[in-house]
Structure formats: C-alpha cells, structure tokens
Amino acid sequence: MRFVLVLLGLMVFGSALVVVDTAQRDRDLTRTLSEHRLVIQKLNVTYAELQLEEGALASQGRVDQIAQSRLFMHAPAANQVTMVSR
C-alpha cells in the first residue's frame, strides 16, 4: 500500500512539473508571437512609406523634369515627328 502511495505521489509531482513546463513554454511562445506581430506591424508601415516614396519618385512630372535637366532631353518639334502606320 505504501508503495502505491509513493508511486502516486511521484506521478502527481511529475504531472505538476509537466504543467509548469507547458505553462512556461506557452508564455515564451506568446511573448515571441507578440514580438513578431510588432515586427510585422513595423514592416507594414515601412512598406507603405516606401510605396508612397516610389509613387512620388515615379511621378510623370518628376521624370520629365529629370529628363530635361540631367539628360538634356526635350519634346521633338512637329517636323521631327514621323508617323508610322500599318
């Protein structure tokens, strides 16, 4: 009888250790998940900012301005345009 009680006590103690370990793992995973969610949120903000910047850099007015100032490009005169048709 005493052996059964000792064995039962050891099993309860072992079960308690498993519960504590599982709870700690859950806390660790929850903390990691929260950290990853914050990183995702920051990346989404950065991506949105980059999309806005890309839109500003690729605007037709800016492209025209750079083409004229840096590349010395200009719209052709009417006599320089050739129409090609099929």
N, C-alpha and C. Protein backbone atom coordinates (compact mmCIF):
# COMPACT_ATOMS: atom_id res chain seq x y z
N MET A 1 0.82 -1.19 0.00
CA MET A 1 0.00 0.00 0.00
C MET A 1 0.87 1.26 0.00
N ARG A 2 1.89 1.21 0.83
CA ARG A 2 2.77 2.38 0.91
C ARG A 2 3.45 2.64 -0.42
N PHE A 3 3.83 1.56 -1.10
CA PHE A 3 4.48 1.69 -2.42
C PHE A 3 3.55 2.40 -3.41
N VAL A 4 2.29 2.06 -3.37
CA VAL A 4 1.31 2.66 -4.28
C VAL A 4 1.18 4.15 -3.99
N LEU A 5 1.15 4.52 -2.72
CA LEU A 5 1.05 5.94 -2.35
C LEU A 5 2.28 6.72 -2.79
N VAL A 6 3.45 6.14 -2.61
CA VAL A 6 4.68 6.81 -3.04
C VAL A 6 4.69 6.95 -4.56
N LEU A 7 4.30 5.90 -5.24
CA LEU A 7 4.24 5.95 -6.70
C LEU A 7 3.22 6.98 -7.16
N LEU A 8 2.09 7.03 -6.52
CA LEU A 8 1.06 8.01 -6.86
C LEU A 8 1.57 9.43 -6.60
N GLY A 9 2.26 9.62 -5.49
CA GLY A 9 2.83 10.94 -5.17
C GLY A 9 3.86 11.38 -6.21
N LEU A 10 4.70 10.44 -6.64
CA LEU A 10 5.69 10.76 -7.67
C LEU A 10 5.02 11.09 -8.99
N MET A 11 3.96 10.41 -9.32
CA MET A 11 3.24 10.68 -10.56
C MET A 11 2.57 12.06 -10.51
N VAL A 12 2.01 12.43 -9.36
CA VAL A 12 1.40 13.75 -9.21
C VAL A 12 2.48 14.82 -9.32
N PHE A 13 3.62 14.61 -8.69
CA PHE A 13 4.72 15.57 -8.76
C PHE A 13 5.23 15.70 -10.19
N GLY A 14 5.38 14.58 -10.88
CA GLY A 14 5.81 14.62 -12.28
C GLY A 14 4.80 15.35 -13.16
N SER A 15 3.54 15.10 -12.91
CA SER A 15 2.49 15.78 -13.66
C SER A 15 2.54 17.29 -13.41
N ALA A 16 2.78 17.68 -12.18
CA ALA A 16 2.88 19.11 -11.86
C ALA A 16 4.06 19.74 -12.59
N LEU A 17 5.18 19.03 -12.67
CA LEU A 17 6.34 19.55 -13.39
C LEU A 17 6.02 19.74 -14.87
N VAL A 18 5.29 18.82 -15.45
CA VAL A 18 4.91 18.92 -16.86
C VAL A 18 3.99 20.13 -17.06
N VAL A 19 3.08 20.36 -16.14
CA VAL A 19 2.17 21.51 -16.24
C VAL A 19 2.96 22.81 -16.16
N VAL A 20 3.90 22.88 -15.25
CA VAL A 20 4.72 24.09 -15.11
C VAL A 20 5.55 24.32 -16.37
N ASP A 21 6.14 23.27 -16.91
CA ASP A 21 6.93 23.39 -18.12
C ASP A 21 6.06 23.84 -19.30
N THR A 22 4.88 23.27 -19.42
CA THR A 22 3.97 23.63 -20.50
C THR A 22 3.53 25.09 -20.39
N ALA A 23 3.25 25.53 -19.17
CA ALA A 23 2.86 26.93 -18.96
C ALA A 23 4.00 27.87 -19.33
N GLN A 24 5.23 27.51 -18.98
CA GLN A 24 6.38 28.36 -19.33
C GLN A 24 6.59 28.41 -20.84
N ARG A 25 6.45 27.29 -21.50
CA ARG A 25 6.56 27.27 -22.97
C ARG A 25 5.48 28.15 -23.61
N ASP A 26 4.27 28.06 -23.05
CA ASP A 26 3.17 28.90 -23.56
C ASP A 26 3.50 30.38 -23.40
N ARG A 27 4.02 30.77 -22.26
CA ARG A 27 4.41 32.18 -22.05
C ARG A 27 5.50 32.60 -23.02
N ASP A 28 6.49 31.74 -23.21
CA ASP A 28 7.58 32.06 -24.14
C ASP A 28 7.06 32.22 -25.57
N LEU A 29 6.21 31.31 -25.99
CA LEU A 29 5.66 31.38 -27.35
C LEU A 29 4.75 32.60 -27.53
N THR A 30 3.99 32.93 -26.49
CA THR A 30 3.13 34.12 -26.56
C THR A 30 3.97 35.38 -26.67
N ARG A 31 5.06 35.45 -25.92
CA ARG A 31 5.96 36.62 -25.99
C ARG A 31 6.59 36.71 -27.38
N THR A 32 7.03 35.58 -27.91
CA THR A 32 7.63 35.57 -29.24
C THR A 32 6.61 35.99 -30.30
N LEU A 33 5.39 35.51 -30.17
CA LEU A 33 4.34 35.89 -31.11
C LEU A 33 4.08 37.39 -31.06
N SER A 34 4.05 37.96 -29.86
CA SER A 34 3.84 39.41 -29.73
C SER A 34 4.98 40.18 -30.37
N GLU A 35 6.20 39.72 -30.17
CA GLU A 35 7.35 40.40 -30.78
C GLU A 35 7.27 40.33 -32.30
N HIS A 36 6.90 39.19 -32.82
CA HIS A 36 6.79 39.05 -34.28
C HIS A 36 5.67 39.91 -34.84
N ARG A 37 4.58 40.02 -34.11
CA ARG A 37 3.49 40.88 -34.56
C ARG A 37 3.94 42.34 -34.61
N LEU A 38 4.73 42.77 -33.64
CA LEU A 38 5.26 44.13 -33.66
C LEU A 38 6.17 44.34 -34.87
N VAL A 39 7.01 43.36 -35.15
CA VAL A 39 7.91 43.46 -36.31
C VAL A 39 7.09 43.54 -37.59
N ILE A 40 6.06 42.72 -37.69
CA ILE A 40 5.20 42.76 -38.89
C ILE A 40 4.54 44.12 -39.03
N GLN A 41 4.08 44.67 -37.93
CA GLN A 41 3.44 45.98 -37.98
C GLN A 41 4.44 47.06 -38.45
N LYS A 42 5.65 47.02 -37.93
CA LYS A 42 6.67 47.98 -38.35
C LYS A 42 7.02 47.81 -39.82
N LEU A 43 7.11 46.56 -40.27
CA LEU A 43 7.40 46.31 -41.68
C LEU A 43 6.28 46.80 -42.58
N ASN A 44 5.04 46.64 -42.14
CA ASN A 44 3.91 47.13 -42.93
C ASN A 44 3.94 48.65 -43.05
N VAL A 45 4.30 49.33 -41.97
CA VAL A 45 4.41 50.79 -42.02
C VAL A 45 5.54 51.20 -42.96
N THR A 46 6.67 50.53 -42.86
CA THR A 46 7.80 50.83 -43.74
C THR A 46 7.44 50.57 -45.20
N TYR A 47 6.73 49.49 -45.46
CA TYR A 47 6.32 49.17 -46.83
C TYR A 47 5.39 50.24 -47.39
N ALA A 48 4.46 50.69 -46.57
CA ALA A 48 3.54 51.75 -47.01
C ALA A 48 4.31 53.04 -47.32
N GLU A 49 5.27 53.37 -46.48
CA GLU A 49 6.09 54.56 -46.73
C GLU A 49 6.88 54.42 -48.02
N LEU A 50 7.43 53.24 -48.26
CA LEU A 50 8.20 53.01 -49.48
C LEU A 50 7.31 53.07 -50.72
N GLN A 51 6.08 52.59 -50.60
CA GLN A 51 5.16 52.70 -51.73
C GLN A 51 4.86 54.16 -52.05
N LEU A 52 4.66 54.97 -51.01
CA LEU A 52 4.42 56.40 -51.23
C LEU A 52 5.63 57.06 -51.87
N GLU A 53 6.81 56.71 -51.37
CA GLU A 53 8.03 57.29 -51.93
C GLU A 53 8.23 56.86 -53.38
N GLU A 54 7.95 55.60 -53.67
CA GLU A 54 8.07 55.12 -55.05
C GLU A 54 7.11 55.87 -55.96
N GLY A 55 5.90 56.08 -55.48
CA GLY A 55 4.93 56.82 -56.27
C GLY A 55 5.39 58.24 -56.54
N ALA A 56 5.99 58.87 -55.53
CA ALA A 56 6.48 60.24 -55.71
C ALA A 56 7.66 60.28 -56.68
N LEU A 57 8.56 59.30 -56.56
CA LEU A 57 9.74 59.30 -57.42
C LEU A 57 9.40 58.95 -58.87
N ALA A 58 8.35 58.21 -59.07
CA ALA A 58 8.00 57.77 -60.41
C ALA A 58 6.93 58.66 -61.05
N SER A 59 6.58 59.76 -60.41
CA SER A 59 5.54 60.61 -60.99
C SER A 59 6.04 61.19 -62.32
N GLN A 60 5.11 61.36 -63.24
CA GLN A 60 5.46 61.79 -64.60
C GLN A 60 6.15 63.15 -64.59
N GLY A 61 5.69 64.06 -63.75
CA GLY A 61 6.31 65.38 -63.69
C GLY A 61 7.77 65.32 -63.27
N ARG A 62 8.06 64.49 -62.28
CA ARG A 62 9.45 64.36 -61.82
C ARG A 62 10.32 63.71 -62.89
N VAL A 63 9.78 62.70 -63.56
CA VAL A 63 10.54 62.04 -64.63
C VAL A 63 10.84 63.03 -65.75
N ASP A 64 9.85 63.83 -66.13
CA ASP A 64 10.06 64.85 -67.17
C ASP A 64 11.11 65.86 -66.75
N GLN A 65 11.03 66.28 -65.50
CA GLN A 65 11.99 67.28 -65.00
C GLN A 65 13.42 66.73 -65.03
N ILE A 66 13.60 65.50 -64.57
CA ILE A 66 14.94 64.91 -64.58
C ILE A 66 15.42 64.70 -66.02
N ALA A 67 14.53 64.27 -66.89
CA ALA A 67 14.91 64.05 -68.29
C ALA A 67 15.38 65.36 -68.92
N GLN A 68 14.74 66.46 -68.60
CA GLN A 68 15.13 67.76 -69.18
C GLN A 68 16.38 68.31 -68.53
N SER A 69 16.49 68.23 -67.20
CA SER A 69 17.61 68.88 -66.52
C SER A 69 18.90 68.06 -66.58
N ARG A 70 18.82 66.77 -66.34
CA ARG A 70 20.05 65.96 -66.26
C ARG A 70 20.43 65.34 -67.60
N LEU A 71 19.43 64.96 -68.37
CA LEU A 71 19.70 64.23 -69.61
C LEU A 71 19.56 65.12 -70.84
N PHE A 72 19.17 66.36 -70.62
CA PHE A 72 19.01 67.35 -71.70
C PHE A 72 18.07 66.84 -72.79
N MET A 73 17.00 66.20 -72.38
CA MET A 73 16.02 65.71 -73.34
C MET A 73 14.91 66.75 -73.48
N HIS A 74 14.27 66.77 -74.61
CA HIS A 74 13.17 67.70 -74.84
C HIS A 74 12.17 67.06 -75.81
N ALA A 75 10.99 67.60 -75.82
CA ALA A 75 9.97 67.10 -76.74
C ALA A 75 10.37 67.49 -78.16
N PRO A 76 10.21 66.60 -79.13
CA PRO A 76 10.61 66.91 -80.50
C PRO A 76 9.65 67.93 -81.13
N ALA A 77 10.19 68.67 -82.06
CA ALA A 77 9.36 69.62 -82.80
C ALA A 77 8.46 68.83 -83.74
N ALA A 78 7.43 69.49 -84.23
CA ALA A 78 6.46 68.81 -85.09
C ALA A 78 7.11 68.25 -86.34
N ASN A 79 8.11 68.94 -86.91
CA ASN A 79 8.74 68.45 -88.13
C ASN A 79 9.70 67.27 -87.86
N GLN A 80 10.00 67.02 -86.59
CA GLN A 80 10.89 65.91 -86.25
C GLN A 80 10.11 64.61 -85.95
N VAL A 81 8.81 64.68 -85.95
CA VAL A 81 7.98 63.52 -85.63
C VAL A 81 7.57 62.83 -86.92
N THR A 82 7.75 61.54 -86.97
CA THR A 82 7.34 60.74 -88.12
C THR A 82 6.27 59.77 -87.68
N MET A 83 5.17 59.77 -88.36
CA MET A 83 4.06 58.86 -88.05
C MET A 83 4.25 57.58 -88.84
N VAL A 84 4.14 56.48 -88.22
CA VAL A 84 4.27 55.18 -88.87
C VAL A 84 2.94 54.48 -88.73
N SER A 85 2.40 54.01 -89.83
CA SER A 85 1.13 53.28 -89.78
C SER A 85 1.27 51.99 -90.55
N ARG A 86 0.41 51.08 -90.32
CA ARG A 86 0.47 49.77 -90.97
C ARG A 86 -0.33 49.75 -92.23
